[in-house]
Amino acid sequence: MKPWRFIWTFFIALHSLFALAQPKLDSSNSTAESTFDSTRKVQIAHINITGNKKTKPYIILREFTFREGDSIDIAALYKNLTTTRNLIYNTNLFSIVTVVPYFKTAFEVEINVDLIERWYIYPTPQFKLTDRNFNEWYKTYNADFSRVTYGIKFTHYNLSGRGDQLNTILLNGFTRSIGLGYSSPASNKNLNEGFSFAVSVVDAKSFPYKTDYNNKLLQYNSNQFVKSSFFANASYRIRRGFYKRHIYAIQYNHQTITDSVLTNKYNPNYFNLNKSSVGFIDLVYNYQYINVDNINYPQKGNIISLFAMKRGLGLTGGINMLSLDLNYRTFHKHSHQIFSSIQLMTKLKLPFKQSYVNQRAHGYGDFYMNGLEYNVIDGVAAAISKLTLGKKIIAFKIPVPFHIKAVPFVPFSFYAKSFGNLGFVYNKPPYQSRLNNKLLYSGGFGIDLLSLYDLKISVEYSFNQLGEKGLFLHSRNN
């Protein structure tokens, strides 16, 4: 497909989806509504919560948009119940949340909340790939099992019943790691402030030292451990209302690599310093606005994230950097189980002359374009836009044969989708590659499977402007 034709099709579809998303007035029930007193108020007489064996009741009540004794317009009651149900579910503490009103009289209503808690304790065996994703490990390294890290990770997602998490990890193999982390999002009386800390030590036998012109990571491999990292982090969190969060963090990172990497044969700009060991401080601010129906697979609402980080205590040279990331996602539900989403992501790193370790852009985490998963594009400024159109095609539940209250059944939901991506990654010479400083585009279609505890498996057939096409597998579990 010609670039101009792809771009034209992309924006025509974008305009159509925005038109579909606009609310439409329905006058078919105007007569019935004229006889309904939507201003009549009902009082919340009582709130009953059942099923929370571990979680403290006040952690659940924190998510309510109303309190006992409040009076609410009856027309607004359903919206409040739906919003409250979504807020409770989005804590990720419960697998099933049911909120039902019971009218005691014409002016009094009782709210019944029935919950099924998730499993909170996970002593999980670890079998992790060293490479960025399954596709790279399978295709580039021929599914080499020597590039696997194994061990155990222990996580408690609700240690004291306040939604606090404890993480410990012990890994060996291609990478060895020891780590400990704890987070408490509601540690004060008003349940709107929290803190976290984490510390880890990691040794690796391989690490990427450079990205080549064809946008492939070049790995420095050894039978010995050639990179060591120490990381410590502490954060303070504030929650404003139901949807806004502010996170302030300070972290220290110390990295040591083998001296050989700093030669001209590999990458003397790895740290942008003439030494193989460096320690630095990061100061971080993260703003989040999350207002969606399901945080793990949104189909309605908006998510905004602003991430700012100052690395190092200087302004230029070495690993000093100011990094700004902005992520905006909007989701719309349409008729016939159809939904659409638009995602805009940007990155900016100042100054533009950066060390190799600070140039990560496309291909890391969620910052990638479908169809370009095999490519890493370094840069100091980048932007990606994603348009997705999906439809729920089937959903069913399989009962668990044994009586397990936490898992009464295993749900399966299948969604068909099509998508289009546009992107751009800027970098200065001499760090340009074949995909830098040009418009990027890709597209495709696929199937999403959602199952127990928000397990998401995506099978996608994608193509890109290079003429490459293929099947890609993505998985995620919260």
Protein backbone atom coordinates (compact mmCIF):
# COMPACT_ATOMS: atom_id res chain seq x y z
CA MET A 1 0.00 0.00 0.00
CA LYS A 2 1.29 3.47 -0.92
CA PRO A 3 2.17 5.66 2.11
CA TRP A 4 -0.22 8.45 1.12
CA ARG A 5 -3.06 5.96 0.64
CA PHE A 6 -2.43 4.35 4.04
CA ILE A 7 -2.34 7.75 5.78
CA TRP A 8 -5.52 8.91 4.01
CA THR A 9 -7.36 5.71 4.97
CA PHE A 10 -6.08 6.01 8.53
CA PHE A 11 -7.44 9.52 9.06
CA ILE A 12 -10.75 8.84 7.28
CA ALA A 13 -11.29 5.94 9.69
CA LEU A 14 -10.25 8.18 12.58
CA HIS A 15 -12.81 10.83 11.59
CA SER A 16 -15.54 8.20 11.21
CA LEU A 17 -14.86 6.76 14.66
CA PHE A 18 -15.04 10.19 16.28
CA ALA A 19 -18.38 10.74 14.53
CA LEU A 20 -19.65 7.41 15.84
CA ALA A 21 -18.49 8.31 19.35
CA GLN A 22 -20.61 11.45 19.55
CA PRO A 23 -23.68 11.05 21.77
CA LYS A 24 -27.03 10.96 19.97
CA LEU A 25 -30.32 12.11 21.39
CA ASP A 26 -33.02 9.48 21.60
CA SER A 27 -36.54 10.93 21.64
CA SER A 28 -38.32 7.60 21.30
CA ASN A 29 -39.12 7.49 25.02
CA SER A 30 -39.89 11.19 25.47
CA THR A 31 -43.48 10.51 26.46
CA ALA A 32 -42.58 7.94 29.08
CA GLU A 33 -39.81 10.14 30.48
CA SER A 34 -42.18 13.11 30.81
CA THR A 35 -44.18 11.19 33.41
CA PHE A 36 -41.06 10.06 35.33
CA ASP A 37 -39.88 12.29 38.16
CA SER A 38 -36.13 12.05 37.66
CA THR A 39 -35.51 14.67 40.37
CA ARG A 40 -37.01 12.53 43.14
CA LYS A 41 -34.33 11.72 45.70
CA VAL A 42 -33.71 8.46 47.50
CA GLN A 43 -31.66 8.08 50.64
CA ILE A 44 -28.86 5.51 50.95
CA ALA A 45 -30.12 3.75 54.07
CA HIS A 46 -27.35 1.15 54.36
CA ILE A 47 -24.42 -0.40 52.48
CA ASN A 48 -23.91 -4.14 52.91
CA ILE A 49 -20.56 -5.65 51.85
CA THR A 50 -20.02 -9.41 51.71
CA GLY A 51 -17.21 -11.62 50.45
CA ASN A 52 -14.24 -9.53 51.63
CA LYS A 53 -12.47 -11.98 53.91
CA LYS A 54 -9.07 -10.27 53.66
CA THR A 55 -9.75 -6.76 52.39
CA LYS A 56 -10.64 -4.12 54.96
CA PRO A 57 -14.16 -2.68 54.50
CA TYR A 58 -12.88 0.92 54.45
CA ILE A 59 -10.66 0.09 51.46
CA ILE A 60 -13.83 -0.88 49.57
CA LEU A 61 -15.88 2.06 50.86
CA ARG A 62 -13.10 4.37 49.63
CA GLU A 63 -14.25 3.58 46.08
CA PHE A 64 -17.91 4.53 46.63
CA THR A 65 -19.19 7.73 45.01
CA PHE A 66 -21.72 8.07 47.85
CA ARG A 67 -22.00 7.34 51.57
CA GLU A 68 -24.66 6.03 53.92
CA GLY A 69 -27.18 8.77 54.61
CA ASP A 70 -26.63 10.57 51.29
CA SER A 71 -29.61 11.55 49.17
CA ILE A 72 -29.29 10.97 45.43
CA ASP A 73 -31.51 11.83 42.50
CA ILE A 74 -33.06 8.57 41.41
CA ALA A 75 -32.06 9.31 37.82
CA ALA A 76 -28.39 9.45 38.92
CA LEU A 77 -28.51 6.30 41.05
CA TYR A 78 -27.71 3.85 38.24
CA LYS A 79 -24.74 5.93 37.06
CA ASN A 80 -23.36 6.07 40.60
CA LEU A 81 -23.75 2.32 41.05
CA THR A 82 -22.00 1.60 37.73
CA THR A 83 -19.14 3.98 38.53
CA THR A 84 -18.73 2.50 42.01
CA ARG A 85 -18.68 -1.03 40.65
CA ASN A 86 -15.96 -0.10 38.12
CA LEU A 87 -13.86 1.65 40.77
CA ILE A 88 -13.98 -1.38 43.08
CA TYR A 89 -13.10 -3.76 40.25
CA ASN A 90 -10.22 -1.56 39.08
CA THR A 91 -8.47 -2.01 42.43
CA ASN A 92 -7.53 -5.47 41.06
CA LEU A 93 -8.42 -6.97 44.45
CA PHE A 94 -11.55 -8.81 43.30
CA SER A 95 -12.37 -11.13 40.44
CA ILE A 96 -16.14 -10.55 40.66
CA VAL A 97 -17.90 -7.39 41.86
CA THR A 98 -21.70 -7.12 42.02
CA VAL A 99 -23.44 -3.95 43.21
CA VAL A 100 -27.24 -4.21 43.49
CA PRO A 101 -29.78 -1.72 44.96
CA TYR A 102 -32.67 -2.94 47.11
CA PHE A 103 -35.53 -0.48 47.62
CA LYS A 104 -36.83 -0.71 51.18
CA THR A 105 -39.38 2.06 50.54
CA ALA A 106 -40.05 4.52 47.75
CA PHE A 107 -37.53 6.87 49.35
CA GLU A 108 -34.95 4.52 50.90
CA VAL A 109 -32.53 2.18 49.15
CA GLU A 110 -30.09 -0.37 50.49
CA ILE A 111 -26.92 -1.17 48.51
CA ASN A 112 -25.73 -4.78 48.50
CA VAL A 113 -22.13 -5.39 47.39
CA ASP A 114 -21.15 -9.00 46.76
CA LEU A 115 -17.45 -9.70 46.18
CA ILE A 116 -15.21 -12.63 45.32
CA GLU A 117 -11.62 -11.92 46.27
CA ARG A 118 -8.75 -12.91 44.06
CA TRP A 119 -5.95 -15.15 45.15
CA TYR A 120 -3.47 -12.80 46.74
CA ILE A 121 -0.51 -15.10 47.44
CA TYR A 122 1.55 -16.24 44.46
CA PRO A 123 4.71 -18.28 44.97
CA THR A 124 5.34 -18.39 41.22
CA PRO A 125 8.05 -20.38 39.44
CA GLN A 126 9.84 -18.13 36.97
CA PHE A 127 10.86 -19.03 33.44
CA LYS A 128 11.82 -15.78 31.76
CA LEU A 129 13.29 -14.94 28.38
CA THR A 130 16.36 -12.74 28.33
CA ASP A 131 15.26 -11.10 25.09
CA ARG A 132 12.73 -8.28 24.65
CA ASN A 133 9.84 -10.52 23.61
CA PHE A 134 8.89 -14.03 22.51
CA ASN A 135 9.15 -13.18 18.83
CA GLU A 136 12.77 -12.02 19.11
CA TRP A 137 13.78 -15.05 21.21
CA TYR A 138 12.13 -17.49 18.81
CA LYS A 139 13.22 -15.96 15.52
CA THR A 140 16.55 -14.25 16.25
CA TYR A 141 17.94 -16.77 18.75
CA ASN A 142 16.18 -19.94 17.52
CA ALA A 143 14.42 -20.50 20.85
CA ASP A 144 17.76 -21.01 22.62
CA PHE A 145 16.99 -22.28 26.14
CA SER A 146 20.40 -21.22 27.39
CA ARG A 147 19.03 -17.66 27.17
CA VAL A 148 16.48 -18.43 29.88
CA THR A 149 16.39 -17.24 33.48
CA TYR A 150 14.69 -19.42 36.11
CA GLY A 151 13.82 -19.08 39.76
CA ILE A 152 10.92 -18.13 41.98
CA LYS A 153 8.96 -14.99 42.63
CA PHE A 154 6.78 -14.54 45.70
CA THR A 155 4.09 -11.87 45.62
CA HIS A 156 1.37 -10.99 48.10
CA TYR A 157 -1.06 -8.54 46.52
CA ASN A 158 -2.99 -7.69 49.68
CA LEU A 159 -0.65 -8.20 52.59
CA SER A 160 -2.54 -6.36 55.33
CA GLY A 161 -5.91 -6.11 53.60
CA ARG A 162 -5.23 -2.51 52.51
CA GLY A 163 -4.22 -3.32 48.94
CA ASP A 164 -0.52 -3.31 49.84
CA GLN A 165 1.89 -5.52 47.90
CA LEU A 166 5.03 -7.41 48.91
CA ASN A 167 7.37 -8.72 46.21
CA THR A 168 10.45 -10.88 46.51
CA ILE A 169 12.36 -12.48 43.67
CA LEU A 170 15.21 -14.99 43.40
CA LEU A 171 16.51 -15.78 39.92
CA ASN A 172 19.40 -17.73 38.46
CA GLY A 173 20.57 -18.90 35.06
CA PHE A 174 21.39 -16.50 32.24
CA THR A 175 20.60 -13.69 34.67
CA ARG A 176 20.71 -13.82 38.43
CA SER A 177 18.74 -11.44 40.53
CA ILE A 178 17.70 -10.76 44.10
CA GLY A 179 14.97 -8.23 44.76
CA LEU A 180 12.57 -6.96 47.41
CA GLY A 181 9.75 -4.47 47.05
CA TYR A 182 6.79 -3.20 49.05
CA SER A 183 4.03 -0.71 48.20
CA SER A 184 1.22 0.66 50.34
CA PRO A 185 -1.13 2.92 48.34
CA ALA A 186 -3.38 3.82 51.30
CA SER A 187 -1.23 4.28 54.38
CA ASN A 188 -2.74 7.39 55.98
CA LYS A 189 -6.01 7.99 57.80
CA ASN A 190 -7.76 9.47 54.76
CA LEU A 191 -6.56 6.59 52.53
CA ASN A 192 -5.26 9.00 49.88
CA GLU A 193 -1.51 8.86 50.50
CA GLY A 194 0.94 6.00 50.24
CA PHE A 195 4.52 4.98 49.72
CA SER A 196 6.66 2.27 48.16
CA PHE A 197 10.25 1.08 48.12
CA ALA A 198 12.23 -1.46 46.13
CA VAL A 199 15.79 -2.72 45.97
CA SER A 200 17.40 -5.22 43.61
CA VAL A 201 20.76 -6.60 42.48
CA VAL A 202 21.08 -8.05 38.96
CA ASP A 203 23.99 -9.80 37.21
CA ALA A 204 23.75 -10.69 33.52
CA LYS A 205 25.80 -12.73 31.03
CA SER A 206 24.48 -10.73 28.10
CA PHE A 207 23.29 -7.21 27.43
CA PRO A 208 22.67 -5.05 24.35
CA TYR A 209 25.62 -2.75 23.72
CA LYS A 210 24.44 -1.15 20.46
CA THR A 211 21.61 -0.94 17.92
CA ASP A 212 22.75 -1.53 14.33
CA TYR A 213 21.64 0.26 11.15
CA ASN A 214 18.98 -2.40 10.51
CA ASN A 215 17.40 -1.71 13.91
CA LYS A 216 18.54 -4.93 15.56
CA LEU A 217 20.03 -5.12 19.04
CA LEU A 218 23.65 -6.24 19.12
CA GLN A 219 24.31 -8.37 22.20
CA TYR A 220 27.54 -8.69 24.12
CA ASN A 221 27.50 -12.35 25.17
CA SER A 222 29.77 -14.20 27.55
CA ASN A 223 29.92 -17.29 29.72
CA GLN A 224 30.70 -14.97 32.61
CA PHE A 225 28.62 -12.22 34.16
CA VAL A 226 29.51 -9.06 32.25
CA LYS A 227 27.02 -6.55 33.62
CA SER A 228 26.04 -5.82 37.22
CA SER A 229 23.31 -3.46 38.38
CA PHE A 230 22.16 -2.21 41.75
CA PHE A 231 18.83 -0.39 41.98
CA ALA A 232 17.01 1.28 44.88
CA ASN A 233 13.77 3.25 44.73
CA ALA A 234 11.47 5.08 47.13
CA SER A 235 8.23 6.86 46.22
CA TYR A 236 5.45 8.93 47.77
CA ARG A 237 1.97 8.73 46.24
CA ILE A 238 -1.05 11.00 46.46
CA ARG A 239 -4.52 10.14 45.20
CA ARG A 240 -6.84 13.05 44.42
CA GLY A 241 -10.46 12.00 44.15
CA PHE A 242 -11.17 8.78 42.31
CA TYR A 243 -9.17 9.23 39.13
CA LYS A 244 -6.07 11.40 39.70
CA ARG A 245 -2.76 10.23 41.12
CA HIS A 246 0.56 11.98 41.70
CA ILE A 247 3.72 9.94 42.29
CA TYR A 248 7.05 11.42 43.41
CA ALA A 249 10.06 9.12 43.41
CA ILE A 250 13.80 9.12 43.92
CA GLN A 251 15.92 6.23 42.75
CA TYR A 252 19.58 5.31 42.65
CA ASN A 253 21.09 3.12 39.95
CA HIS A 254 24.66 1.81 39.77
CA GLN A 255 25.80 -0.11 36.70
CA THR A 256 29.09 -1.83 35.90
CA ILE A 257 29.91 -3.36 32.52
CA THR A 258 32.96 -5.13 31.15
CA ASP A 259 35.67 -2.74 29.94
CA SER A 260 35.67 -4.34 26.47
CA VAL A 261 32.36 -2.70 25.56
CA LEU A 262 33.85 0.80 25.71
CA THR A 263 36.28 0.12 22.85
CA ASN A 264 35.65 1.27 19.28
CA LYS A 265 34.80 -2.32 18.34
CA TYR A 266 31.63 -2.12 20.44
CA ASN A 267 30.29 1.19 21.78
CA PRO A 268 32.43 3.85 23.49
CA ASN A 269 29.24 5.94 23.86
CA TYR A 270 27.50 3.38 26.05
CA PHE A 271 27.59 5.68 29.12
CA ASN A 272 28.97 8.69 27.24
CA LEU A 273 31.79 8.50 29.78
CA ASN A 274 35.28 7.07 29.65
CA LYS A 275 34.58 4.57 32.40
CA SER A 276 32.78 1.26 32.76
CA SER A 277 31.13 1.90 36.13
CA VAL A 278 28.67 4.68 36.83
CA GLY A 279 26.17 5.59 39.54
CA PHE A 280 23.37 8.10 39.11
CA ILE A 281 20.22 9.45 40.74
CA ASP A 282 16.82 9.76 39.06
CA LEU A 283 14.19 12.25 40.26
CA VAL A 284 10.75 11.22 38.99
CA TYR A 285 7.29 12.75 38.80
CA ASN A 286 4.35 10.77 37.38
CA TYR A 287 0.81 12.10 36.93
CA GLN A 288 -1.97 9.62 36.14
CA TYR A 289 -5.61 10.14 35.25
CA ILE A 290 -7.45 6.82 34.98
CA ASN A 291 -11.20 6.80 34.35
CA VAL A 292 -12.17 3.64 32.47
CA ASP A 293 -14.70 0.85 32.80
CA ASN A 294 -12.04 -1.89 33.07
CA ILE A 295 -8.44 -0.93 33.70
CA ASN A 296 -7.15 -4.22 32.27
CA TYR A 297 -9.10 -4.10 28.98
CA PRO A 298 -10.76 -0.69 28.65
CA GLN A 299 -13.62 -0.13 26.24
CA LYS A 300 -14.91 3.16 27.63
CA GLY A 301 -13.17 6.12 29.25
CA ASN A 302 -9.82 7.90 29.20
CA ILE A 303 -6.29 7.38 30.50
CA ILE A 304 -3.69 10.15 30.67
CA SER A 305 -0.15 9.71 31.94
CA LEU A 306 2.66 12.25 32.22
CA PHE A 307 6.09 10.97 33.22
CA ALA A 308 8.98 13.36 33.88
CA MET A 309 12.45 12.28 34.99
CA LYS A 310 15.68 14.15 35.68
CA ARG A 311 18.63 11.77 35.50
CA GLY A 312 21.91 12.87 37.02
CA LEU A 313 22.73 16.08 38.86
CA GLY A 314 24.21 17.90 35.88
CA LEU A 315 22.68 19.39 32.77
CA THR A 316 24.75 17.91 29.94
CA GLY A 317 27.30 15.19 29.31
CA GLY A 318 27.54 11.66 30.63
CA ILE A 319 24.20 10.16 31.60
CA ASN A 320 22.57 13.52 32.44
CA MET A 321 19.10 13.74 30.91
CA LEU A 322 15.68 15.31 31.23
CA SER A 323 13.03 12.91 29.93
CA LEU A 324 9.35 13.69 29.29
CA ASP A 325 6.76 11.08 28.30
CA LEU A 326 3.08 11.71 27.55
CA ASN A 327 0.51 8.97 26.95
CA TYR A 328 -3.13 9.64 26.08
CA ARG A 329 -5.70 6.90 25.43
CA THR A 330 -9.41 7.29 24.77
CA PHE A 331 -11.90 4.44 24.48
CA HIS A 332 -15.44 4.49 23.05
CA LYS A 333 -18.23 1.94 23.09
CA HIS A 334 -20.55 1.76 20.10
CA SER A 335 -23.60 -0.35 19.33
CA HIS A 336 -23.47 -4.07 18.49
CA GLN A 337 -20.58 -4.80 20.90
CA ILE A 338 -18.22 -2.61 18.84
CA PHE A 339 -15.59 -0.44 20.50
CA SER A 340 -12.76 1.79 19.33
CA SER A 341 -9.66 3.31 20.86
CA ILE A 342 -7.12 5.97 19.97
CA GLN A 343 -3.71 6.06 21.63
CA LEU A 344 -1.12 8.84 21.35
CA MET A 345 2.36 8.42 22.88
CA THR A 346 5.31 10.81 22.82
CA LYS A 347 8.86 10.86 24.17
CA LEU A 348 11.38 13.67 24.46
CA LYS A 349 14.92 13.51 25.86
CA LEU A 350 17.03 16.62 26.46
CA PRO A 351 19.68 17.48 25.47
CA PHE A 352 19.57 15.66 22.12
CA LYS A 353 23.10 14.33 22.54
CA GLN A 354 22.60 11.32 24.79
CA SER A 355 24.48 8.21 25.86
CA TYR A 356 23.34 4.90 24.37
CA VAL A 357 21.61 3.78 27.58
CA ASN A 358 19.41 6.90 27.43
CA GLN A 359 18.29 6.55 23.80
CA ARG A 360 15.65 3.86 24.19
CA ALA A 361 12.51 4.68 22.25
CA HIS A 362 10.52 2.35 19.98
CA GLY A 363 10.57 -1.31 20.93
CA TYR A 364 10.66 -1.11 24.73
CA GLY A 365 7.68 -1.81 26.97
CA ASP A 366 4.40 -0.62 25.47
CA PHE A 367 6.08 1.94 23.20
CA TYR A 368 6.00 0.02 19.92
CA MET A 369 4.06 -0.25 16.66
CA ASN A 370 2.27 -3.47 15.76
CA GLY A 371 4.12 -5.10 12.88
CA LEU A 372 7.49 -3.63 13.89
CA GLU A 373 8.06 -5.83 16.94
CA TYR A 374 11.38 -7.12 15.59
CA ASN A 375 12.78 -3.61 15.29
CA VAL A 376 14.37 -1.37 17.90
CA ILE A 377 14.50 2.32 16.99
CA ASP A 378 16.61 4.49 19.28
CA GLY A 379 15.92 8.18 19.49
CA VAL A 380 15.70 11.37 21.53
CA ALA A 381 12.23 12.34 20.28
CA ALA A 382 9.46 9.95 19.25
CA ALA A 383 5.71 9.76 18.71
CA ILE A 384 3.28 6.91 18.01
CA SER A 385 -0.45 6.97 17.29
CA LYS A 386 -2.58 3.82 17.32
CA LEU A 387 -6.14 3.39 16.09
CA THR A 388 -8.00 0.19 16.98
CA LEU A 389 -11.49 -0.98 16.06
CA GLY A 390 -12.77 -4.11 17.81
CA LYS A 391 -15.85 -6.22 18.36
CA LYS A 392 -16.74 -8.79 20.97
CA ILE A 393 -17.50 -12.04 19.16
CA ILE A 394 -18.12 -14.62 21.88
CA ALA A 395 -17.96 -15.06 25.66
CA PHE A 396 -18.54 -18.09 27.86
CA LYS A 397 -17.64 -19.57 31.25
CA ILE A 398 -16.37 -23.03 32.13
CA PRO A 399 -17.25 -24.13 35.69
CA VAL A 400 -14.36 -25.35 37.83
CA PRO A 401 -15.03 -29.02 38.77
CA PHE A 402 -13.75 -28.56 42.31
CA HIS A 403 -15.44 -26.20 44.74
CA ILE A 404 -13.02 -23.27 44.88
CA LYS A 405 -14.73 -20.10 46.06
CA ALA A 406 -12.02 -17.82 44.67
CA VAL A 407 -12.38 -19.40 41.21
CA PRO A 408 -15.95 -20.69 40.68
CA PHE A 409 -15.45 -20.68 36.90
CA VAL A 410 -12.94 -19.78 34.20
CA PRO A 411 -14.24 -17.03 31.87
CA PHE A 412 -13.28 -16.70 28.21
CA SER A 413 -14.00 -13.66 26.03
CA PHE A 414 -12.89 -13.31 22.40
CA TYR A 415 -12.56 -9.98 20.58
CA ALA A 416 -11.78 -9.45 16.90
CA LYS A 417 -9.89 -6.28 16.04
CA SER A 418 -8.19 -4.32 13.27
CA PHE A 419 -5.61 -1.62 13.80
CA GLY A 420 -3.44 1.00 12.14
CA ASN A 421 -0.28 2.70 13.49
CA LEU A 422 1.66 5.83 12.60
CA GLY A 423 4.99 6.75 14.15
CA PHE A 424 8.17 8.81 13.98
CA VAL A 425 11.49 8.50 15.84
CA TYR A 426 14.10 11.25 15.62
CA ASN A 427 17.79 10.79 16.35
CA LYS A 428 20.91 12.78 15.56
CA PRO A 429 23.86 11.53 13.51
CA PRO A 430 25.80 9.32 13.89
CA TYR A 431 23.09 7.27 15.65
CA GLN A 432 20.60 7.17 12.80
CA SER A 433 19.27 3.88 11.40
CA ARG A 434 17.15 2.98 8.39
CA LEU A 435 13.94 3.71 10.35
CA ASN A 436 14.98 6.99 11.98
CA ASN A 437 13.69 10.39 10.87
CA LYS A 438 10.96 9.10 8.57
CA LEU A 439 7.23 8.44 8.78
CA LEU A 440 6.49 4.89 9.94
CA TYR A 441 3.23 3.07 9.36
CA SER A 442 1.85 -0.42 9.93
CA GLY A 443 -1.49 -2.19 10.26
CA GLY A 444 -3.19 -5.51 10.67
CA PHE A 445 -5.88 -7.49 12.43
CA GLY A 446 -6.08 -10.04 15.21
CA ILE A 447 -7.87 -11.79 18.03
CA ASP A 448 -7.71 -10.94 21.76
CA LEU A 449 -8.47 -13.60 24.35
CA LEU A 450 -9.34 -12.49 27.89
CA SER A 451 -9.51 -15.04 30.65
CA LEU A 452 -9.06 -15.61 34.37
CA TYR A 453 -7.53 -12.73 36.37
CA ASP A 454 -7.24 -10.52 33.30
CA LEU A 455 -4.96 -12.81 31.35
CA LYS A 456 -4.76 -11.34 27.86
CA ILE A 457 -3.40 -13.21 24.86
CA SER A 458 -3.25 -11.45 21.49
CA VAL A 459 -2.65 -13.16 18.17
CA GLU A 460 -2.05 -10.56 15.46
CA TYR A 461 -1.30 -10.62 11.76
CA SER A 462 0.56 -7.40 10.96
CA PHE A 463 2.33 -5.73 8.05
CA ASN A 464 4.58 -2.68 7.80
CA GLN A 465 6.00 -0.25 5.26
CA LEU A 466 9.07 -2.44 4.72
CA GLY A 467 6.91 -5.11 3.13
CA GLU A 468 7.34 -7.35 6.16
CA LYS A 469 4.35 -9.28 7.44
CA GLY A 470 3.76 -12.09 9.86
CA LEU A 471 2.01 -13.48 12.92
CA PHE A 472 2.83 -11.98 16.31
CA LEU A 473 1.99 -13.21 19.80
CA HIS A 474 1.57 -10.93 22.82
CA SER A 475 0.55 -11.93 26.35
CA ARG A 476 -0.08 -9.96 29.48
CA ASN A 477 -1.34 -10.72 32.97
CA ASN A 478 -1.86 -8.19 35.74
